[in-house]
Amino acid sequence: MTAPALRGRAAQPDREQSPMTIYVDADSCPRPARELVVRTAKRRPVKAVFAANRPIPLETGPGIVMEICPPGEGSADNRIVELARAGDLVITRDVPLASRLVEKSIPVIDDRGRAFTRDNIRERLSLRDFTVGLAEHGLGIERIVSYGRKELKSFADSLDRELRRLLG
């Protein structure tokens, strides 16, 4: 069963029922990480919004929303930036998106549990730009593509830590 898809503008999350929302940049988020966020949203007082340009398979449940964004470069990123507020959490591996959110003082982690902060975002952007430049010149760096138990455990620990901090 999959979560209902919203097209266009979704209503702002109901802050009275859910003190916070977890926004997930779902296009590149691995299935195990998405499933962990769904389980988390079911057992904690949070809402989970998965934003993507296409439907992503998700388990349904109260407070779990799949928001289909219009086609186009960065539309899901723009929607997450538009919706995220202080007290929310965003999950993405997109460093430029993380930078935009960190500037808004929104906590951001990636699907491997690494936090993006004001202290490290410039370094992360610089490294990202460097590797993109290498790839553009045919000198791409070999990327780690596996996502196993170790990565999921790091993500779960980081997600739990951030939720405890944000929910008090």
Protein backbone atom coordinates (compact mmCIF):
# COMPACT_ATOMS: atom_id res chain seq x y z
CA MET A 1 0.00 0.00 0.00
CA THR A 2 1.38 3.44 -0.79
CA ALA A 3 0.87 6.85 0.76
CA PRO A 4 -1.56 9.21 -0.92
CA ALA A 5 0.15 11.54 -3.35
CA LEU A 6 -0.48 15.23 -3.20
CA ARG A 7 -0.09 17.28 -6.32
CA GLY A 8 0.71 20.93 -6.16
CA ARG A 9 0.57 22.75 -2.86
CA ALA A 10 -0.01 20.69 0.26
CA ALA A 11 -1.48 22.27 3.33
CA GLN A 12 1.04 23.35 5.93
CA PRO A 13 1.41 20.52 8.48
CA ASP A 14 -0.97 20.76 11.44
CA ARG A 15 1.37 21.94 14.19
CA GLU A 16 -1.14 21.23 16.97
CA GLN A 17 -1.25 17.49 16.28
CA SER A 18 2.40 17.09 15.25
CA PRO A 19 4.95 19.32 16.95
CA MET A 20 7.36 18.76 14.09
CA THR A 21 7.63 17.45 10.56
CA ILE A 22 10.36 15.33 9.03
CA TYR A 23 10.84 16.31 5.39
CA VAL A 24 12.55 13.72 3.21
CA ASP A 25 14.15 14.48 -0.15
CA ALA A 26 12.76 11.17 -1.37
CA ASP A 27 14.21 10.98 -4.90
CA SER A 28 17.58 9.74 -3.68
CA CYS A 29 16.75 8.42 -0.23
CA PRO A 30 17.33 4.64 0.00
CA ARG A 31 14.31 2.44 0.70
CA PRO A 32 15.56 1.26 4.14
CA ALA A 33 15.97 4.87 5.27
CA ARG A 34 12.49 5.80 3.97
CA GLU A 35 11.02 2.79 5.78
CA LEU A 36 12.74 3.84 9.01
CA VAL A 37 11.25 7.34 8.73
CA VAL A 38 7.78 5.83 8.17
CA ARG A 39 8.16 3.63 11.27
CA THR A 40 9.38 6.63 13.24
CA ALA A 41 6.40 8.76 12.16
CA LYS A 42 4.03 5.99 13.26
CA ARG A 43 5.42 5.73 16.79
CA ARG A 44 6.37 9.33 17.57
CA PRO A 45 4.41 12.60 17.47
CA VAL A 46 5.80 13.65 14.10
CA LYS A 47 4.57 13.97 10.55
CA ALA A 48 6.66 12.72 7.63
CA VAL A 49 6.51 14.42 4.24
CA PHE A 50 8.31 12.73 1.35
CA ALA A 51 8.90 15.15 -1.53
CA ALA A 52 9.82 13.93 -5.02
CA ASN A 53 9.13 14.53 -8.71
CA ARG A 54 7.63 11.05 -9.02
CA PRO A 55 5.70 8.64 -6.80
CA ILE A 56 7.94 6.76 -4.39
CA PRO A 57 6.64 3.50 -2.86
CA LEU A 58 5.74 4.12 0.78
CA GLU A 59 3.72 2.42 3.48
CA THR A 60 0.61 4.42 4.36
CA GLY A 61 -0.37 5.68 7.74
CA PRO A 62 -1.57 8.76 9.55
CA GLY A 63 0.84 11.64 9.20
CA ILE A 64 2.71 10.15 6.23
CA VAL A 65 2.45 12.23 3.07
CA MET A 66 3.96 11.71 -0.38
CA GLU A 67 4.08 15.06 -2.09
CA ILE A 68 4.56 14.87 -5.85
CA CYS A 69 6.24 18.06 -6.99
CA PRO A 70 6.05 19.47 -10.51
CA PRO A 71 8.62 18.24 -13.01
CA GLY A 72 11.72 20.32 -13.23
CA GLU A 73 15.13 20.67 -11.72
CA GLY A 74 14.97 21.46 -8.02
CA SER A 75 11.19 21.58 -7.61
CA ALA A 76 11.18 19.07 -4.73
CA ASP A 77 14.09 20.92 -3.12
CA ASN A 78 12.26 24.23 -3.46
CA ARG A 79 9.13 22.75 -1.90
CA ILE A 80 11.07 21.42 1.09
CA VAL A 81 12.73 24.82 1.62
CA GLU A 82 9.32 26.49 1.36
CA LEU A 83 7.65 24.19 3.93
CA ALA A 84 10.40 23.55 6.50
CA ARG A 85 10.18 25.61 9.67
CA ALA A 86 12.18 25.94 12.88
CA GLY A 87 11.73 22.73 14.87
CA ASP A 88 11.43 20.51 11.78
CA LEU A 89 14.06 18.09 10.47
CA VAL A 90 15.11 17.49 6.86
CA ILE A 91 16.75 14.38 5.45
CA THR A 92 18.70 14.82 2.22
CA ARG A 93 22.02 13.95 0.67
CA ASP A 94 21.78 17.02 -1.60
CA VAL A 95 24.46 19.39 -0.26
CA PRO A 96 23.16 22.57 -1.99
CA LEU A 97 19.68 21.86 -0.56
CA ALA A 98 21.22 21.25 2.87
CA SER A 99 23.02 24.58 2.60
CA ARG A 100 19.79 26.45 1.90
CA LEU A 101 18.16 24.81 4.91
CA VAL A 102 21.09 25.36 7.26
CA GLU A 103 20.89 29.07 6.36
CA LYS A 104 17.28 28.94 7.63
CA SER A 105 18.49 27.23 10.85
CA ILE A 106 16.70 23.98 9.94
CA PRO A 107 18.47 20.81 11.18
CA VAL A 108 19.57 18.57 8.29
CA ILE A 109 21.00 15.05 8.22
CA ASP A 110 21.75 12.74 5.33
CA ASP A 111 20.62 9.13 4.96
CA ARG A 112 23.91 7.94 6.46
CA GLY A 113 23.44 9.97 9.64
CA ARG A 114 25.86 12.80 8.90
CA ALA A 115 24.65 16.19 10.11
CA PHE A 116 24.94 19.32 8.01
CA THR A 117 25.70 22.32 10.24
CA ARG A 118 26.79 25.93 9.96
CA ASP A 119 30.26 24.71 10.97
CA ASN A 120 30.64 22.16 8.16
CA ILE A 121 28.35 23.20 5.30
CA ARG A 122 30.90 25.35 3.46
CA GLU A 123 33.44 22.53 3.53
CA ARG A 124 30.80 20.07 2.31
CA LEU A 125 29.79 22.44 -0.52
CA SER A 126 33.42 22.93 -1.51
CA LEU A 127 34.03 19.17 -1.59
CA ARG A 128 30.82 18.62 -3.57
CA ASP A 129 31.77 21.32 -6.10
CA PHE A 130 35.26 19.83 -6.42
CA THR A 131 33.93 16.32 -7.14
CA VAL A 132 31.35 17.69 -9.61
CA GLY A 133 34.16 19.57 -11.37
CA LEU A 134 36.25 16.39 -11.57
CA ALA A 135 33.29 14.47 -12.99
CA GLU A 136 32.68 17.19 -15.60
CA HIS A 137 36.26 16.69 -16.78
CA GLY A 138 36.01 12.90 -16.87
CA LEU A 139 37.90 12.39 -13.63
CA GLY A 140 35.03 11.21 -11.47
CA ILE A 141 35.76 9.79 -8.05
CA GLU A 142 34.49 6.29 -7.37
CA ARG A 143 31.41 6.56 -5.20
CA ILE A 144 30.27 4.19 -2.49
CA VAL A 145 26.89 2.90 -3.62
CA SER A 146 26.11 0.29 -0.98
CA TYR A 147 23.59 1.00 1.73
CA GLY A 148 23.67 -1.73 4.31
CA ARG A 149 23.15 -2.31 8.01
CA LYS A 150 26.06 -0.10 9.07
CA GLU A 151 24.73 2.90 7.12
CA LEU A 152 21.16 2.32 8.29
CA LYS A 153 22.33 2.04 11.93
CA SER A 154 24.24 5.33 11.65
CA PHE A 155 21.17 6.97 10.14
CA ALA A 156 18.87 5.52 12.82
CA ASP A 157 21.15 6.72 15.62
CA SER A 158 21.39 10.20 14.13
CA LEU A 159 17.63 10.40 13.49
CA ASP A 160 16.91 9.34 17.08
CA ARG A 161 19.42 11.84 18.45
CA GLU A 162 17.92 14.71 16.43
CA LEU A 163 14.35 13.79 17.37
CA ARG A 164 15.22 13.64 21.08
CA ARG A 165 16.86 17.06 20.80
CA LEU A 166 13.98 18.62 18.81
CA LEU A 167 11.13 17.04 20.74
CA GLY A 168 12.73 17.67 24.13
